[in-house]
N, C-alpha and C. Protein backbone atom coordinates (compact mmCIF):
# COMPACT_ATOMS: atom_id res chain seq x y z
N UNK A 1 -1.52 -7.36 12.64
CA UNK A 1 -2.95 -7.21 12.76
C UNK A 1 -3.68 -8.49 12.30
N UNK A 2 -3.12 -9.20 11.30
CA UNK A 2 -3.72 -10.43 10.77
C UNK A 2 -2.70 -11.56 10.86
N UNK A 3 -2.56 -12.19 12.01
CA UNK A 3 -1.51 -13.19 12.19
C UNK A 3 -1.64 -14.41 11.30
N UNK A 4 -2.83 -14.70 10.77
CA UNK A 4 -3.01 -15.86 9.89
C UNK A 4 -2.58 -15.56 8.46
N UNK A 5 -2.39 -14.30 8.13
CA UNK A 5 -1.98 -13.92 6.78
C UNK A 5 -0.50 -14.18 6.59
N UNK A 6 -0.11 -14.56 5.38
CA UNK A 6 1.30 -14.70 5.03
C UNK A 6 1.66 -13.53 4.13
N UNK A 7 2.67 -12.78 4.51
CA UNK A 7 3.07 -11.58 3.79
C UNK A 7 4.48 -11.78 3.25
N UNK A 8 4.66 -11.52 1.95
CA UNK A 8 5.98 -11.62 1.32
C UNK A 8 6.34 -10.25 0.75
N UNK A 9 7.47 -9.72 1.17
CA UNK A 9 7.97 -8.47 0.63
C UNK A 9 9.06 -8.77 -0.39
N UNK A 10 9.04 -8.04 -1.50
CA UNK A 10 10.02 -8.27 -2.56
C UNK A 10 10.84 -7.00 -2.75
N UNK A 11 12.16 -7.14 -2.83
CA UNK A 11 13.04 -6.00 -3.02
C UNK A 11 14.26 -6.46 -3.82
N UNK A 12 14.84 -5.54 -4.57
CA UNK A 12 16.05 -5.84 -5.32
C UNK A 12 17.28 -5.94 -4.42
N UNK A 13 17.25 -5.25 -3.29
CA UNK A 13 18.41 -5.21 -2.40
C UNK A 13 18.08 -5.89 -1.07
N UNK A 14 19.06 -6.57 -0.49
CA UNK A 14 18.83 -7.22 0.81
C UNK A 14 19.00 -6.22 1.97
N UNK A 15 18.07 -5.27 2.07
CA UNK A 15 18.17 -4.22 3.09
C UNK A 15 17.03 -4.30 4.11
N UNK A 16 16.47 -5.47 4.32
CA UNK A 16 15.33 -5.63 5.19
C UNK A 16 15.76 -5.57 6.66
N UNK A 17 14.81 -5.24 7.53
CA UNK A 17 15.14 -5.19 8.96
C UNK A 17 15.43 -6.58 9.51
N UNK A 18 16.14 -6.63 10.61
CA UNK A 18 16.48 -7.92 11.21
C UNK A 18 15.30 -8.56 11.90
N UNK A 19 14.47 -7.77 12.57
CA UNK A 19 13.31 -8.34 13.24
C UNK A 19 12.06 -8.07 12.40
N UNK A 20 11.32 -9.11 12.11
CA UNK A 20 10.05 -8.99 11.41
C UNK A 20 9.06 -9.94 12.06
N UNK A 21 7.76 -9.69 11.93
CA UNK A 21 6.77 -10.60 12.48
C UNK A 21 6.92 -12.00 11.86
N UNK A 22 6.48 -13.04 12.56
CA UNK A 22 6.67 -14.41 12.06
C UNK A 22 5.94 -14.71 10.76
N UNK A 23 4.93 -13.93 10.41
CA UNK A 23 4.19 -14.19 9.17
C UNK A 23 4.70 -13.34 8.00
N UNK A 24 5.86 -12.70 8.16
CA UNK A 24 6.43 -11.85 7.12
C UNK A 24 7.77 -12.43 6.66
N UNK A 25 7.95 -12.50 5.35
CA UNK A 25 9.24 -12.92 4.80
C UNK A 25 9.60 -11.97 3.68
N UNK A 26 10.89 -11.83 3.44
CA UNK A 26 11.37 -10.98 2.36
C UNK A 26 12.08 -11.84 1.32
N UNK A 27 11.92 -11.47 0.07
CA UNK A 27 12.54 -12.17 -1.04
C UNK A 27 13.32 -11.15 -1.85
N UNK A 28 14.57 -11.42 -2.12
CA UNK A 28 15.37 -10.55 -2.99
C UNK A 28 15.10 -11.01 -4.41
N UNK A 29 14.39 -10.18 -5.16
CA UNK A 29 13.93 -10.56 -6.49
C UNK A 29 13.63 -9.30 -7.28
N UNK A 30 13.50 -9.44 -8.58
CA UNK A 30 13.10 -8.34 -9.46
C UNK A 30 11.65 -8.56 -9.84
N UNK A 31 10.78 -7.66 -9.41
CA UNK A 31 9.34 -7.86 -9.64
C UNK A 31 8.98 -7.84 -11.12
N UNK A 32 9.87 -7.36 -11.98
CA UNK A 32 9.57 -7.33 -13.41
C UNK A 32 9.99 -8.62 -14.12
N UNK A 33 10.74 -9.49 -13.43
CA UNK A 33 11.09 -10.80 -13.98
C UNK A 33 10.07 -11.83 -13.50
N UNK A 34 10.26 -13.09 -13.87
CA UNK A 34 9.40 -14.15 -13.34
C UNK A 34 9.54 -14.18 -11.83
N UNK A 35 8.44 -14.32 -11.14
CA UNK A 35 8.46 -14.27 -9.68
C UNK A 35 8.94 -15.58 -9.11
N UNK A 36 9.95 -15.54 -8.26
CA UNK A 36 10.51 -16.73 -7.64
C UNK A 36 9.53 -17.39 -6.67
N UNK A 37 8.60 -16.61 -6.13
CA UNK A 37 7.69 -17.14 -5.11
C UNK A 37 6.33 -17.50 -5.71
N UNK A 38 6.24 -17.69 -7.01
CA UNK A 38 4.99 -18.09 -7.63
C UNK A 38 4.12 -16.90 -8.01
N UNK A 39 2.85 -17.19 -8.26
CA UNK A 39 1.94 -16.12 -8.65
C UNK A 39 0.57 -16.27 -8.00
N UNK A 40 0.49 -17.02 -6.92
CA UNK A 40 -0.78 -17.24 -6.24
C UNK A 40 -0.92 -16.27 -5.06
N UNK A 41 -1.39 -15.05 -5.35
CA UNK A 41 -1.51 -14.01 -4.34
C UNK A 41 -2.95 -13.52 -4.27
N UNK A 42 -3.38 -13.13 -3.07
CA UNK A 42 -4.69 -12.51 -2.90
C UNK A 42 -4.60 -11.00 -3.10
N UNK A 43 -3.43 -10.43 -2.84
CA UNK A 43 -3.26 -8.99 -2.93
C UNK A 43 -1.82 -8.68 -3.33
N UNK A 44 -1.65 -7.76 -4.26
CA UNK A 44 -0.33 -7.25 -4.62
C UNK A 44 -0.38 -5.74 -4.41
N UNK A 45 0.51 -5.24 -3.56
CA UNK A 45 0.54 -3.82 -3.23
C UNK A 45 1.85 -3.22 -3.74
N UNK A 46 1.74 -2.15 -4.51
CA UNK A 46 2.92 -1.43 -5.01
C UNK A 46 2.83 0.00 -4.54
N UNK A 47 3.97 0.57 -4.13
CA UNK A 47 3.95 1.94 -3.67
C UNK A 47 5.16 2.68 -4.24
N UNK A 48 4.90 3.79 -4.90
CA UNK A 48 5.96 4.67 -5.43
C UNK A 48 6.95 3.93 -6.32
N UNK A 49 6.47 3.00 -7.13
CA UNK A 49 7.37 2.17 -7.91
C UNK A 49 7.18 2.36 -9.42
N UNK A 50 6.02 2.80 -9.85
CA UNK A 50 5.71 2.87 -11.27
C UNK A 50 6.70 3.76 -12.05
N UNK A 51 7.14 4.90 -11.53
CA UNK A 51 8.06 5.74 -12.33
C UNK A 51 9.40 5.09 -12.66
N UNK A 52 9.82 4.08 -11.91
CA UNK A 52 11.13 3.47 -12.16
C UNK A 52 11.04 2.12 -12.86
N UNK A 53 9.86 1.73 -13.25
CA UNK A 53 9.68 0.42 -13.90
C UNK A 53 9.93 0.51 -15.39
N UNK A 54 10.43 -0.60 -15.96
CA UNK A 54 10.61 -0.68 -17.40
C UNK A 54 9.26 -0.72 -18.11
N UNK A 55 8.35 -1.54 -17.58
CA UNK A 55 7.05 -1.71 -18.22
C UNK A 55 5.96 -1.94 -17.17
N UNK A 56 5.37 -0.87 -16.65
CA UNK A 56 4.28 -1.03 -15.68
C UNK A 56 3.11 -1.83 -16.24
N UNK A 57 2.85 -1.70 -17.53
CA UNK A 57 1.74 -2.43 -18.16
C UNK A 57 1.97 -3.94 -18.07
N UNK A 58 3.19 -4.39 -18.36
CA UNK A 58 3.49 -5.82 -18.28
C UNK A 58 3.33 -6.35 -16.85
N UNK A 59 3.76 -5.56 -15.87
CA UNK A 59 3.61 -5.99 -14.47
C UNK A 59 2.12 -6.11 -14.12
N UNK A 60 1.33 -5.14 -14.51
CA UNK A 60 -0.10 -5.21 -14.21
C UNK A 60 -0.76 -6.40 -14.90
N UNK A 61 -0.33 -6.71 -16.11
CA UNK A 61 -0.86 -7.91 -16.79
C UNK A 61 -0.51 -9.16 -16.00
N UNK A 62 0.72 -9.22 -15.47
CA UNK A 62 1.15 -10.38 -14.68
C UNK A 62 0.32 -10.49 -13.40
N UNK A 63 0.05 -9.37 -12.76
CA UNK A 63 -0.70 -9.38 -11.50
C UNK A 63 -2.14 -9.84 -11.74
N UNK A 64 -2.76 -9.38 -12.81
CA UNK A 64 -4.17 -9.65 -13.03
C UNK A 64 -4.43 -10.83 -13.97
N UNK A 65 -3.40 -11.54 -14.39
CA UNK A 65 -3.58 -12.67 -15.31
C UNK A 65 -4.23 -13.84 -14.61
């Protein structure tokens, strides 16, 4: 829908689909560690992840710092 946007998906496991739009990339990383792709984001979206996190508060501090 927004071809000029760059979208990065982060997952612990390399289970991403083979075909993705050209503006989408996946990174195998742990969102609770230091982010390999930097911290310059306009939007961070989390879904159904808070119950399995070690420290949701620390992640939110990282997002909004």
